[in-house]
Amino acid sequence: MTRPVLRRSSMIATCRVLPILLGLALFAGPGLARAEAEPVPAADASPPTDACAAVMTERVQRRYDAVRDLRARFVQRTTSVALGSAEAAAMEAGGEVFFAKPGRMRWSYETPEPSLVVSDGKTLWIYDPQVAEAQQFPVGPEFLSGAALQFLLGDGQLVDEFEIVARDCEAARVRLLLTPRQDSSYERLELRADRETGEIRSTVVIDLLGNRTEVELEELQSNVDPSVERFQFEPPPGTRVLAVPNAR
């Protein structure tokens, strides 16, 4: 069976969404509850001290472990090497996102045009109503590789899965640069976390081709108990369904 040829709009949607699944899987965890924060050792120079990376990693992990689900508004900016610099610079999108452990998510894109990304933890759908087309992906080792899959499914420890370096330890938001320890379908992740709470407020994903996807979250709410139906998708009548058996 040959792989279906994707339309250009669907290719753009796929390029836009797949890096998010790697980076924003980590957002399934950071909660909004405030625990007593351990002081972060400040770094006077770059690179920062190992103590800063260790403390911030533990703080982010603790936030990640403490939440069942998350709702937020998001803004996504994508720079795609394949699409060229002029077009890539204009690739900004936004909307509402829900996450729920294990491995469920719903991205409702509102701008620049409506689209939907839904996963129940087993199957992921990318729906483009403009062309009445839905892409169907299996969520498994052949779809996401390495540690990102473990976090997507609600498991895993940052320190076990990533080489971690901290930057800007003296700032309100500390940068954590994460390089996967095992072969993965992305080069690295960058998290920006609140220095006092460990709450992740944005991610950057760099894939193996150099494409860059940044997502910022606003109006975060945790443990809102979204319904199971929110993470299910049934293609509307007349929708062309493209089943993609292997996303890599």
Protein backbone atom coordinates (compact mmCIF):
# COMPACT_ATOMS: atom_id res chain seq x y z
CA MET A 1 0.00 0.00 0.00
CA THR A 2 1.51 3.32 -1.07
CA ARG A 3 1.49 6.29 1.25
CA PRO A 4 -1.16 8.86 0.27
CA VAL A 5 0.00 12.09 -1.28
CA LEU A 6 -0.88 14.97 1.04
CA ARG A 7 -2.18 18.29 -0.21
CA ARG A 8 -0.08 21.34 0.48
CA SER A 9 -2.43 22.62 3.21
CA SER A 10 -2.25 19.27 4.96
CA MET A 11 1.53 19.15 4.65
CA ILE A 12 1.72 22.55 6.34
CA ALA A 13 -0.63 21.35 9.09
CA THR A 14 1.51 18.25 9.64
CA CYS A 15 4.74 20.27 9.75
CA ARG A 16 3.07 22.60 12.23
CA VAL A 17 1.65 19.96 14.54
CA LEU A 18 4.24 17.19 14.82
CA PRO A 19 6.94 19.29 16.53
CA ILE A 20 4.33 20.48 19.04
CA LEU A 21 3.58 16.94 20.06
CA LEU A 22 7.22 16.56 21.02
CA GLY A 23 7.55 19.74 23.02
CA LEU A 24 4.09 20.39 24.38
CA ALA A 25 3.76 16.86 25.69
CA LEU A 26 5.61 18.29 28.65
CA PHE A 27 2.73 20.70 29.22
CA ALA A 28 0.54 17.82 30.25
CA GLY A 29 2.16 18.13 33.63
CA PRO A 30 2.99 21.56 34.99
CA GLY A 31 0.24 22.52 37.41
CA LEU A 32 -0.90 25.84 38.76
CA ALA A 33 -0.88 24.88 42.43
CA ARG A 34 1.86 26.75 44.27
CA ALA A 35 4.19 24.73 46.45
CA GLU A 36 6.95 26.19 48.63
CA ALA A 37 9.81 26.89 46.27
CA GLU A 38 13.44 26.04 46.95
CA PRO A 39 15.75 28.97 46.07
CA VAL A 40 17.36 28.71 42.64
CA PRO A 41 21.11 29.32 42.63
CA ALA A 42 21.68 32.37 40.45
CA ALA A 43 24.21 32.25 37.67
CA ASP A 44 26.45 35.27 37.21
CA ALA A 45 27.80 34.16 33.86
CA SER A 46 26.94 31.91 30.93
CA PRO A 47 26.90 28.95 31.07
CA PRO A 48 25.09 28.77 34.45
CA THR A 49 25.97 26.46 37.29
CA ASP A 50 24.96 22.79 37.33
CA ALA A 51 23.06 23.50 40.54
CA CYS A 52 20.70 25.82 38.68
CA ALA A 53 19.85 23.14 36.10
CA ALA A 54 19.37 20.50 38.80
CA VAL A 55 17.05 22.65 40.93
CA MET A 56 14.95 23.87 38.00
CA THR A 57 14.65 20.39 36.49
CA GLU A 58 13.39 19.01 39.79
CA ARG A 59 10.94 21.88 40.09
CA VAL A 60 9.56 21.36 36.57
CA GLN A 61 9.27 17.62 37.15
CA ARG A 62 7.35 18.21 40.38
CA ARG A 63 4.89 20.47 38.58
CA TYR A 64 4.53 17.93 35.79
CA ASP A 65 3.76 15.12 38.22
CA ALA A 66 1.15 17.15 40.14
CA VAL A 67 -1.51 17.73 37.49
CA ARG A 68 -4.11 15.53 35.78
CA ASP A 69 -5.11 17.86 32.96
CA LEU A 70 -4.48 21.34 31.59
CA ARG A 71 -6.38 23.94 29.60
CA ALA A 72 -4.81 27.05 28.03
CA ARG A 73 -4.88 29.60 25.24
CA PHE A 74 -1.86 29.27 22.95
CA VAL A 75 0.11 31.15 20.32
CA GLN A 76 2.30 29.10 17.99
CA ARG A 77 5.06 30.42 15.74
CA THR A 78 6.74 28.14 13.21
CA THR A 79 9.86 28.69 11.13
CA SER A 80 10.06 26.05 8.42
CA VAL A 81 13.25 25.50 6.45
CA ALA A 82 11.32 23.75 3.67
CA LEU A 83 8.84 26.58 3.16
CA GLY A 84 11.41 29.34 2.93
CA SER A 85 12.06 32.31 5.16
CA ALA A 86 9.41 34.71 3.79
CA GLU A 87 6.50 32.33 4.13
CA ALA A 88 7.79 30.79 7.34
CA ALA A 89 7.91 34.17 9.04
CA ALA A 90 4.15 34.51 8.52
CA MET A 91 3.31 31.12 10.06
CA GLU A 92 1.65 32.14 13.31
CA ALA A 93 -1.43 30.43 14.72
CA GLY A 94 -3.46 30.45 17.90
CA GLY A 95 -6.41 28.99 19.73
CA GLU A 96 -7.28 26.79 22.70
CA VAL A 97 -5.65 23.57 23.88
CA PHE A 98 -6.58 20.85 26.36
CA PHE A 99 -4.30 18.11 27.70
CA ALA A 100 -5.22 15.16 29.90
CA LYS A 101 -3.13 12.25 31.10
CA PRO A 102 -2.45 9.77 29.71
CA GLY A 103 -1.62 11.08 26.26
CA ARG A 104 -4.82 12.96 25.36
CA MET A 105 -4.90 16.39 23.75
CA ARG A 106 -7.11 18.70 21.72
CA TRP A 107 -5.76 21.68 19.79
CA SER A 108 -8.53 23.93 18.47
CA TYR A 109 -6.90 26.35 16.02
CA GLU A 110 -8.84 29.56 15.54
CA THR A 111 -6.38 31.70 13.59
CA PRO A 112 -5.32 32.17 10.87
CA GLU A 113 -8.03 29.65 9.89
CA PRO A 114 -9.92 26.91 11.78
CA SER A 115 -8.39 23.46 12.13
CA LEU A 116 -8.36 20.74 14.74
CA VAL A 117 -5.82 18.31 16.21
CA VAL A 118 -7.23 15.61 18.50
CA SER A 119 -5.69 12.57 20.19
CA ASP A 120 -7.20 10.05 22.60
CA GLY A 121 -3.73 8.66 23.34
CA LYS A 122 -3.99 5.95 20.69
CA THR A 123 -4.93 7.78 17.49
CA LEU A 124 -4.17 11.32 16.44
CA TRP A 125 -6.35 13.24 13.97
CA ILE A 126 -5.49 16.41 12.04
CA TYR A 127 -8.66 17.89 10.56
CA ASP A 128 -8.71 20.68 8.00
CA PRO A 129 -12.31 21.82 7.40
CA GLN A 130 -11.20 24.15 4.59
CA VAL A 131 -10.50 21.18 2.33
CA ALA A 132 -12.71 18.62 4.17
CA GLU A 133 -9.67 16.43 4.88
CA ALA A 134 -8.61 14.48 7.97
CA GLN A 135 -5.26 12.78 8.52
CA GLN A 136 -5.17 9.81 10.90
CA PHE A 137 -1.94 8.82 12.67
CA PRO A 138 -1.23 6.00 15.12
CA VAL A 139 0.31 7.24 18.37
CA GLY A 140 3.13 4.83 19.15
CA PRO A 141 6.90 4.31 18.86
CA GLU A 142 6.69 4.62 15.07
CA PHE A 143 5.01 8.03 15.42
CA LEU A 144 6.92 9.72 18.24
CA SER A 145 10.31 8.51 19.28
CA GLY A 146 12.24 8.51 22.49
CA ALA A 147 11.47 10.39 25.65
CA ALA A 148 8.85 12.66 24.10
CA LEU A 149 6.52 9.69 23.73
CA GLN A 150 6.98 8.77 27.38
CA PHE A 151 6.00 12.26 28.49
CA LEU A 152 3.08 12.31 26.10
CA LEU A 153 1.78 9.15 27.75
CA GLY A 154 2.20 10.59 31.24
CA ASP A 155 5.42 8.82 32.24
CA GLY A 156 9.15 9.44 32.32
CA GLN A 157 11.73 11.48 34.24
CA LEU A 158 13.43 14.47 32.65
CA VAL A 159 16.84 13.70 34.12
CA ASP A 160 16.73 10.13 32.80
CA GLU A 161 15.71 11.06 29.28
CA PHE A 162 17.53 14.34 28.56
CA GLU A 163 20.87 16.04 28.87
CA ILE A 164 19.83 19.32 30.50
CA VAL A 165 21.56 22.70 30.49
CA ALA A 166 20.15 25.84 32.13
CA ARG A 167 20.37 29.42 30.90
CA ASP A 168 19.19 32.77 32.30
CA CYS A 169 19.01 31.45 35.86
CA GLU A 170 18.78 34.95 37.27
CA ALA A 171 15.75 35.82 35.11
CA ALA A 172 12.07 35.43 36.01
CA ARG A 173 11.84 32.65 33.44
CA VAL A 174 14.71 30.17 33.28
CA ARG A 175 15.57 28.45 30.01
CA LEU A 176 16.18 24.70 30.07
CA LEU A 177 17.84 23.23 26.98
CA LEU A 178 16.98 19.53 26.65
CA THR A 179 18.87 17.18 24.33
CA PRO A 180 17.46 13.61 24.13
CA ARG A 181 19.81 10.90 25.33
CA GLN A 182 18.50 8.41 22.76
CA ASP A 183 17.80 8.68 19.03
CA SER A 184 14.74 10.87 18.48
CA SER A 185 12.89 12.60 15.66
CA TYR A 186 13.92 16.03 16.96
CA GLU A 187 17.21 17.72 17.76
CA ARG A 188 16.37 19.41 21.05
CA LEU A 189 13.71 21.04 23.20
CA GLU A 190 13.83 24.36 25.01
CA LEU A 191 11.56 25.06 27.97
CA ARG A 192 10.97 28.42 29.63
CA ALA A 193 9.89 27.85 33.21
CA ASP A 194 8.91 30.19 36.02
CA ARG A 195 11.96 30.56 38.27
CA GLU A 196 9.95 30.30 41.49
CA THR A 197 7.32 27.69 40.65
CA GLY A 198 8.70 25.58 37.78
CA GLU A 199 5.58 26.25 35.72
CA ILE A 200 6.35 25.92 32.00
CA ARG A 201 5.14 28.92 30.00
CA SER A 202 6.62 28.21 26.57
CA THR A 203 8.51 25.61 24.57
CA VAL A 204 10.70 25.63 21.49
CA VAL A 205 11.24 22.48 19.43
CA ILE A 206 14.06 22.16 16.88
CA ASP A 207 13.61 19.15 14.62
CA LEU A 208 16.32 17.29 12.72
CA LEU A 209 15.88 19.52 9.66
CA GLY A 210 16.26 22.72 11.62
CA ASN A 211 12.56 23.65 11.65
CA ARG A 212 11.65 25.65 14.75
CA THR A 213 8.28 25.65 16.53
CA GLU A 214 7.62 27.92 19.50
CA VAL A 215 4.46 27.75 21.59
CA GLU A 216 3.45 30.17 24.34
CA LEU A 217 0.64 29.38 26.78
CA GLU A 218 -1.64 31.88 28.48
CA GLU A 219 -4.64 31.69 30.82
CA LEU A 220 -3.53 28.30 32.13
CA GLN A 221 -5.95 26.24 34.19
CA SER A 222 -5.19 22.82 35.66
CA ASN A 223 -7.38 19.91 36.80
CA VAL A 224 -10.52 21.16 35.05
CA ASP A 225 -11.65 17.57 34.29
CA PRO A 226 -12.46 17.83 30.56
CA SER A 227 -14.87 15.22 29.23
CA VAL A 228 -13.66 12.08 27.46
CA GLU A 229 -15.59 13.17 24.38
CA ARG A 230 -13.39 16.23 24.01
CA PHE A 231 -10.52 13.95 22.97
CA GLN A 232 -12.51 11.95 20.44
CA PHE A 233 -13.01 12.73 16.77
CA GLU A 234 -15.48 11.48 14.19
CA PRO A 235 -14.84 12.74 10.63
CA PRO A 236 -17.85 14.72 9.38
CA PRO A 237 -19.74 13.26 6.39
CA GLY A 238 -17.93 13.90 3.14
CA THR A 239 -14.49 14.20 4.78
CA ARG A 240 -11.56 12.65 2.93
CA VAL A 241 -9.65 10.48 5.42
CA LEU A 242 -5.92 9.85 4.90
CA ALA A 243 -4.67 7.02 7.10
CA VAL A 244 -0.91 7.45 7.57
CA PRO A 245 0.57 4.21 8.98
CA ASN A 246 4.04 5.59 9.60
CA ALA A 247 4.71 9.26 10.32
CA ARG A 248 8.47 9.04 10.27
